[in-house]
Each structure stands twice: as C-alpha cells, then as structure tokens.
Amino acid sequence: MADITHGHAPHEPSASDGAGVPHPYHLLNPSPWPLLGAFAGGLLATGLVLFMHGSGKLVMILGVLAVLGVMYGWWRDVIKEAVVEKAHTPVVKIGLRYGMSLFIASEVMFFAAFFWAFFSAALFPKASPTNPDAHWPPVGIEVIDPFHMPLMMTLILLLSGVTVTWAHHAIIEGKNKEASKALGLTVLLGVMFTFFQGYEYAHAAFKFTDGIFPSTFYMATGFHGFHVLVGTIFLAVCWVRTAKGHFTPQSHFGFEAAAWYWHFVDVVWLFLFVSVYWWGGHGGSTGGH
C-alpha cells in the first residue's frame, strides 16, 4: 500500500533480486554440508589425535579426504547459487565481503603469533648449552642468504600481484580472454613460488628440530607457503570459472575474494623477507642478554 499511495508501482521480482523472490536477501535451501562438515572435522581431529599417539593413520587420511570432499561440494553449491540461481544480490555480496574481510583478519592474527614468537626469540635470546652467549642467530646455524633465492621468490610474488590486478581490470572491462590469460600467469607464478620454497627447504642447512631459530623460521615461512598453495588453488578455480564465463563486470566477487587473499599473501611475504630472512637472519640481537 505504501508504494501505491506514494505513486509508485509495486515491486516486481526479477532475476537480479535473487531466485525470483521479492527481497534482496538470500534464504538458503536445506543443505547437508554443515552436518557433513561437522562429522568430517570430528573424524579429522580424532585421526590427528590418534596419529600423534602412534596410531590412527588411516582415520587421519579418511578425515582429510572427508574434509576435502565437503569443501568441494559446499563451494560447488555456492557457485551454483551465484551463477545459476542468481542468489547473490548486492545485499548478499555485502555479507560475503564482510565474511572474507573477517576471515583475512583472522589470518592476520595467525601470522601475528608467529612473528611474535620470532621477534621474542630474536630480540631476547636465551642462553643454552648450544648457545651460551645468547647470540642471534644461534651459533652454528647457517642462515639462508636473503638476496639469493628468497629475493627471487619475492620478485615472483610481486609479479603475481601485478598479473592478478591485470586480471581484475580485464574482468571489469569485460575482457574475459585477457583475464583468463592473466590468471593463468598468476597461477603459474604461484606454482613456481611453491617449487622454489620446496627447493629451499630441501637444501637448508638446518632442520625444524635444530633449535628456536629453525622452529620459528619453518613455522612462519611454512605457514605462509601453505597459504600460497591455498591461494594458487583459489585462483586456479577462478581461472576455470573465467574461461566458463562465470564472471561479469557487474558480478565477480568470487574472483575479488581470491585477489584479496592473494594480495594478503604478498604483503605477509614482504614482512617475512625483511624480518625473518634479512633482519632476523643477519641482524637481530648479537647477544649479551
């Protein structure tokens, strides 16, 4: 009645409203994935606990496969909701943006903990039988030269940030073939980074259990490497979706989320390069604590 009394025609549902309903919100259909996800997570946690106590390897593997299966099925349904059902209206996309922003913020907190551990050990090294002078890096640790392979890895990630931005602009301009080419290059650069990090780990002069420096080094850089792997897969999915024409200049948040994540990974690596490889490996505290 309000529309009629003010001289406006009643609202007509359209495809852009979301599945033909006369409101901009996304009311989810019944889904098995939350329940299956809970069971898969419980199976994985049980398998990990058993594995840490010397058994349960099969349970752990089944848990990993179950979690991966739930992730694939759930995200497949999300893509269907966006592309087929047109359920991701502007209001829904605001929620998706908040969700991705909060997820990245939680990842920042993860890395804050690892950086805290590294700087605590580097700025206030403790004396030990293997490091009586409380020197940093600890005596006997052959650190990695930051201006060899780490510098090349930095350039690879920075270049990948350029190509993913290129892909974004191409999508906005409706040039899907160009966007697909740029995304392909980004995925290739991500794979190259992972390969070189694996090579670096294989040829490092220290192992994870060789003390506080190796432990904090591998935790920080390894966790980042896992994020590069996840981001590469994320972008590879977007690459396939771009080739299928899922993204339009008006609707491409799936790609934007991947680009946000990738830029976050780039920024974290810059902090790692400067603080862990450069300062922490060749500067840090010289002892006396």
Protein backbone atom coordinates (compact mmCIF):
# COMPACT_ATOMS: atom_id res chain seq x y z
CA MET A 1 0.00 0.00 0.00
CA ALA A 2 2.88 2.35 0.75
CA ASP A 3 4.11 2.10 -2.81
CA ILE A 4 0.65 2.80 -4.25
CA THR A 5 -0.08 5.77 -2.01
CA HIS A 6 3.21 7.40 -2.97
CA GLY A 7 2.56 6.96 -6.67
CA HIS A 8 4.98 4.06 -7.26
CA ALA A 9 4.23 0.76 -8.90
CA PRO A 10 4.53 -2.33 -6.69
CA HIS A 11 7.97 -4.01 -6.72
CA GLU A 12 8.27 -6.66 -9.41
CA PRO A 13 10.58 -9.59 -8.70
CA SER A 14 13.42 -10.10 -11.16
CA ALA A 15 16.36 -12.41 -11.61
CA SER A 16 18.67 -9.83 -10.04
CA ASP A 17 16.63 -9.94 -6.82
CA GLY A 18 17.77 -13.48 -6.13
CA ALA A 19 15.93 -16.63 -7.25
CA GLY A 20 12.80 -14.68 -8.19
CA VAL A 21 11.87 -13.61 -4.64
CA PRO A 22 10.68 -10.04 -3.91
CA HIS A 23 13.51 -9.20 -1.47
CA PRO A 24 17.29 -8.84 -1.74
CA TYR A 25 18.20 -11.47 0.86
CA HIS A 26 19.43 -15.00 0.28
CA LEU A 27 17.33 -17.59 2.10
CA LEU A 28 19.35 -20.79 1.91
CA ASN A 29 17.89 -24.06 0.73
CA PRO A 30 18.30 -27.07 3.04
CA SER A 31 21.91 -28.25 2.76
CA PRO A 32 23.69 -31.38 4.05
CA TRP A 33 27.11 -29.68 4.12
CA PRO A 34 27.12 -28.15 7.64
CA LEU A 35 26.28 -31.51 9.23
CA LEU A 36 28.65 -33.45 6.98
CA GLY A 37 31.32 -30.83 7.63
CA ALA A 38 30.97 -31.30 11.38
CA PHE A 39 31.35 -35.08 11.05
CA ALA A 40 34.33 -34.67 8.69
CA GLY A 41 36.03 -32.23 11.08
CA GLY A 42 35.43 -34.58 14.01
CA LEU A 43 36.85 -37.50 12.05
CA LEU A 44 39.94 -35.49 11.11
CA ALA A 45 40.51 -34.31 14.70
CA THR A 46 40.14 -37.87 16.01
CA GLY A 47 42.57 -39.15 13.39
CA LEU A 48 45.13 -36.47 14.24
CA VAL A 49 44.96 -37.21 17.97
CA LEU A 50 45.35 -40.95 17.35
CA PHE A 51 48.19 -40.34 14.89
CA MET A 52 50.06 -38.23 17.45
CA HIS A 53 49.85 -41.21 19.82
CA GLY A 54 51.29 -43.67 17.33
CA SER A 55 48.20 -44.99 15.53
CA GLY A 56 45.15 -43.84 13.56
CA LYS A 57 46.93 -43.07 10.27
CA LEU A 58 44.01 -44.44 8.24
CA VAL A 59 41.47 -42.43 10.29
CA MET A 60 43.51 -39.26 9.72
CA ILE A 61 43.68 -39.87 5.96
CA LEU A 62 39.93 -40.54 5.82
CA GLY A 63 39.36 -37.32 7.80
CA VAL A 64 41.45 -35.29 5.34
CA LEU A 65 39.57 -36.78 2.38
CA ALA A 66 36.22 -36.18 4.08
CA VAL A 67 37.05 -32.51 4.76
CA LEU A 68 38.23 -32.01 1.17
CA GLY A 69 35.04 -33.65 -0.13
CA VAL A 70 32.83 -31.37 1.98
CA MET A 71 34.80 -28.31 0.84
CA TYR A 72 34.39 -29.27 -2.81
CA GLY A 73 30.66 -29.97 -2.51
CA TRP A 74 29.87 -26.90 -0.44
CA TRP A 75 31.78 -24.47 -2.66
CA ARG A 76 30.29 -26.08 -5.77
CA ASP A 77 26.84 -25.29 -4.37
CA VAL A 78 27.88 -21.71 -3.62
CA ILE A 79 28.98 -21.27 -7.25
CA LYS A 80 25.65 -22.75 -8.40
CA GLU A 81 23.78 -20.28 -6.19
CA ALA A 82 25.73 -17.39 -7.73
CA VAL A 83 25.73 -18.43 -11.40
CA VAL A 84 22.54 -20.47 -11.88
CA GLU A 85 20.17 -19.27 -9.17
CA LYS A 86 21.35 -15.63 -9.26
CA ALA A 87 21.00 -15.61 -5.49
CA HIS A 88 23.97 -13.32 -4.78
CA THR A 89 22.27 -9.94 -4.84
CA PRO A 90 24.08 -6.68 -3.93
CA VAL A 91 22.92 -7.08 -0.31
CA VAL A 92 24.18 -10.66 -0.18
CA LYS A 93 27.51 -9.59 -1.65
CA ILE A 94 27.96 -7.10 1.19
CA GLY A 95 27.72 -10.01 3.61
CA LEU A 96 30.20 -12.02 1.55
CA ARG A 97 32.62 -9.09 1.59
CA TYR A 98 32.36 -8.76 5.36
CA GLY A 99 32.87 -12.52 5.70
CA MET A 100 36.01 -12.54 3.56
CA SER A 101 37.37 -9.45 5.32
CA LEU A 102 36.93 -11.05 8.73
CA PHE A 103 38.50 -14.29 7.50
CA ILE A 104 41.60 -12.43 6.31
CA ALA A 105 41.69 -10.54 9.63
CA SER A 106 41.73 -13.88 11.46
CA GLU A 107 44.63 -14.99 9.26
CA VAL A 108 46.49 -11.81 10.20
CA MET A 109 46.19 -12.86 13.84
CA PHE A 110 47.71 -16.26 13.00
CA PHE A 111 50.76 -14.62 11.47
CA ALA A 112 50.95 -12.10 14.32
CA ALA A 113 51.51 -15.02 16.69
CA PHE A 114 54.32 -16.45 14.56
CA PHE A 115 56.00 -13.07 14.16
CA TRP A 116 55.67 -12.50 17.91
CA ALA A 117 57.44 -15.80 18.60
CA PHE A 118 60.22 -14.98 16.14
CA PHE A 119 60.85 -11.44 17.40
CA SER A 120 60.68 -12.56 21.02
CA ALA A 121 63.38 -15.14 20.36
CA ALA A 122 65.46 -12.75 18.22
CA LEU A 123 65.31 -9.67 20.46
CA PHE A 124 65.67 -11.53 23.77
CA PRO A 125 67.68 -14.70 23.03
CA LYS A 126 68.19 -17.04 25.96
CA ALA A 127 71.44 -18.76 26.83
CA SER A 128 71.55 -22.52 26.35
CA PRO A 129 74.21 -25.26 26.25
CA THR A 130 74.43 -24.87 22.46
CA ASN A 131 74.23 -21.06 22.59
CA PRO A 132 75.93 -19.96 25.84
CA ASP A 133 76.40 -16.34 24.71
CA ALA A 134 72.69 -15.94 23.81
CA HIS A 135 73.63 -14.97 20.28
CA TRP A 136 71.11 -14.47 17.45
CA PRO A 137 71.13 -16.22 15.08
CA PRO A 138 72.30 -19.05 17.36
CA VAL A 139 75.89 -20.18 16.94
CA GLY A 140 76.19 -23.00 14.41
CA ILE A 141 73.11 -22.04 12.40
CA GLU A 142 73.94 -21.45 8.74
CA VAL A 143 71.26 -18.96 7.73
CA ILE A 144 69.85 -18.55 4.22
CA ASP A 145 71.16 -15.65 2.16
CA PRO A 146 68.11 -13.37 1.65
CA PHE A 147 69.46 -11.96 -1.59
CA HIS A 148 69.65 -15.24 -3.45
CA MET A 149 66.58 -17.47 -3.71
CA PRO A 150 64.40 -15.53 -1.21
CA LEU A 151 64.85 -12.37 -3.30
CA MET A 152 63.83 -14.25 -6.45
CA MET A 153 60.76 -15.64 -4.63
CA THR A 154 59.90 -12.08 -3.59
CA LEU A 155 60.06 -10.89 -7.18
CA ILE A 156 57.86 -13.82 -8.26
CA LEU A 157 55.17 -12.91 -5.72
CA LEU A 158 55.33 -9.21 -6.56
CA LEU A 159 54.93 -10.04 -10.25
CA SER A 160 51.97 -12.28 -9.43
CA GLY A 161 50.34 -9.32 -7.65
CA VAL A 162 50.67 -7.37 -10.91
CA THR A 163 49.12 -10.16 -13.02
CA VAL A 164 46.18 -10.68 -10.65
CA THR A 165 45.48 -6.93 -10.77
CA TRP A 166 45.68 -7.11 -14.56
CA ALA A 167 43.10 -9.91 -14.48
CA HIS A 168 40.82 -7.81 -12.25
CA HIS A 169 40.89 -4.85 -14.62
CA ALA A 170 40.25 -7.15 -17.59
CA ILE A 171 37.15 -8.61 -15.90
CA ILE A 172 35.85 -5.12 -15.10
CA GLU A 173 36.28 -4.20 -18.77
CA GLY A 174 34.53 -7.39 -19.91
CA LYS A 175 37.67 -8.87 -21.49
CA ASN A 176 37.35 -12.45 -20.27
CA LYS A 177 40.01 -13.89 -22.60
CA GLU A 178 42.55 -11.37 -21.37
CA ALA A 179 41.53 -12.04 -17.76
CA SER A 180 41.95 -15.77 -18.33
CA LYS A 181 45.45 -15.21 -19.70
CA ALA A 182 46.42 -13.03 -16.73
CA LEU A 183 45.01 -15.55 -14.25
CA GLY A 184 46.90 -18.36 -15.94
CA LEU A 185 50.14 -16.43 -15.48
CA THR A 186 49.27 -15.79 -11.83
CA VAL A 187 48.65 -19.48 -11.18
CA LEU A 188 51.95 -20.33 -12.91
CA LEU A 189 53.81 -17.85 -10.72
CA GLY A 190 52.18 -19.31 -7.60
CA VAL A 191 53.31 -22.81 -8.61
CA MET A 192 56.83 -21.50 -9.26
CA PHE A 193 56.97 -19.92 -5.80
CA THR A 194 55.90 -23.19 -4.15
CA PHE A 195 58.50 -25.13 -6.14
CA PHE A 196 61.33 -22.79 -5.14
CA GLN A 197 60.29 -22.80 -1.50
CA GLY A 198 60.32 -26.60 -1.53
CA TYR A 199 63.80 -26.48 -3.09
CA GLU A 200 64.94 -24.03 -0.41
CA TYR A 201 63.66 -26.27 2.37
CA ALA A 202 65.31 -29.35 0.84
CA HIS A 203 68.69 -27.61 0.71
CA ALA A 204 68.54 -25.67 4.00
CA ALA A 205 71.44 -26.35 6.36
CA PHE A 206 69.14 -26.72 9.40
CA LYS A 207 66.16 -28.89 10.36
CA PHE A 208 62.96 -27.97 12.20
CA THR A 209 64.23 -29.55 15.44
CA ASP A 210 67.63 -27.81 15.46
CA GLY A 211 66.58 -25.06 17.86
CA ILE A 212 64.48 -21.94 18.23
CA PHE A 213 65.67 -20.28 15.01
CA PRO A 214 64.76 -23.21 12.72
CA SER A 215 61.47 -23.79 14.56
CA THR A 216 60.26 -20.20 14.24
CA PHE A 217 61.65 -19.93 10.69
CA TYR A 218 59.84 -23.01 9.41
CA MET A 219 56.60 -22.22 11.25
CA ALA A 220 56.37 -18.69 9.82
CA THR A 221 57.58 -19.40 6.28
CA GLY A 222 55.88 -22.81 6.11
CA PHE A 223 52.52 -21.43 7.19
CA HIS A 224 52.89 -18.75 4.54
CA GLY A 225 53.80 -21.41 1.97
CA PHE A 226 50.57 -23.24 2.82
CA HIS A 227 48.68 -20.02 2.18
CA VAL A 228 50.39 -19.65 -1.19
CA LEU A 229 49.24 -23.19 -2.06
CA VAL A 230 45.66 -22.43 -0.99
CA GLY A 231 45.71 -19.11 -2.87
CA THR A 232 47.03 -20.81 -6.00
CA ILE A 233 44.18 -23.33 -5.90
CA PHE A 234 41.71 -20.49 -5.25
CA LEU A 235 42.98 -18.61 -8.30
CA ALA A 236 43.04 -21.79 -10.42
CA VAL A 237 39.33 -22.27 -9.70
CA CYS A 238 38.74 -18.63 -10.70
CA TRP A 239 40.75 -19.29 -13.86
CA VAL A 240 38.39 -22.12 -14.82
CA ARG A 241 35.36 -20.03 -13.89
CA THR A 242 36.64 -17.15 -16.02
CA ALA A 243 37.01 -19.47 -19.01
CA LYS A 244 33.40 -20.62 -18.46
CA GLY A 245 32.14 -17.04 -18.39
CA HIS A 246 31.00 -17.02 -14.76
CA PHE A 247 32.34 -13.53 -14.08
CA THR A 248 30.85 -10.33 -15.45
CA PRO A 249 31.89 -6.69 -14.95
CA GLN A 250 28.96 -6.31 -12.53
CA SER A 251 29.30 -9.63 -10.65
CA HIS A 252 32.68 -11.19 -9.90
CA PHE A 253 33.10 -11.29 -6.13
CA GLY A 254 34.40 -14.86 -6.28
CA PHE A 255 37.42 -13.52 -8.12
CA GLU A 256 37.71 -10.45 -5.87
CA ALA A 257 37.88 -12.67 -2.79
CA ALA A 258 40.73 -14.65 -4.37
CA ALA A 259 42.53 -11.41 -5.31
CA TRP A 260 42.18 -10.05 -1.76
CA TYR A 261 43.60 -13.27 -0.38
CA TRP A 262 46.49 -13.22 -2.84
CA HIS A 263 47.43 -9.61 -2.04
CA PHE A 264 47.34 -10.53 1.66
CA VAL A 265 49.75 -13.40 0.96
CA ASP A 266 52.04 -10.99 -0.93
CA VAL A 267 52.13 -8.49 1.93
CA VAL A 268 52.86 -11.18 4.54
CA TRP A 269 55.77 -12.42 2.43
CA LEU A 270 57.29 -8.93 2.31
CA PHE A 271 57.23 -8.85 6.11
CA LEU A 272 58.77 -12.33 6.21
CA PHE A 273 61.51 -11.38 3.76
CA VAL A 274 62.51 -8.25 5.67
CA SER A 275 62.16 -9.53 9.23
CA VAL A 276 62.92 -13.27 9.09
CA TYR A 277 65.31 -13.64 6.14
CA TRP A 278 67.09 -10.28 6.18
CA TRP A 279 66.99 -8.78 9.69
CA GLY A 280 66.46 -11.99 11.68
CA GLY A 281 69.00 -14.00 9.73
CA HIS A 282 71.77 -11.42 9.54
CA GLY A 283 70.99 -8.76 12.12
CA GLY A 284 68.79 -9.35 15.13
CA SER A 285 70.39 -9.41 18.54
CA THR A 286 74.12 -10.02 18.79
CA GLY A 287 73.98 -11.34 22.31
CA GLY A 288 74.58 -10.14 25.81
CA HIS A 289 71.10 -10.90 27.18
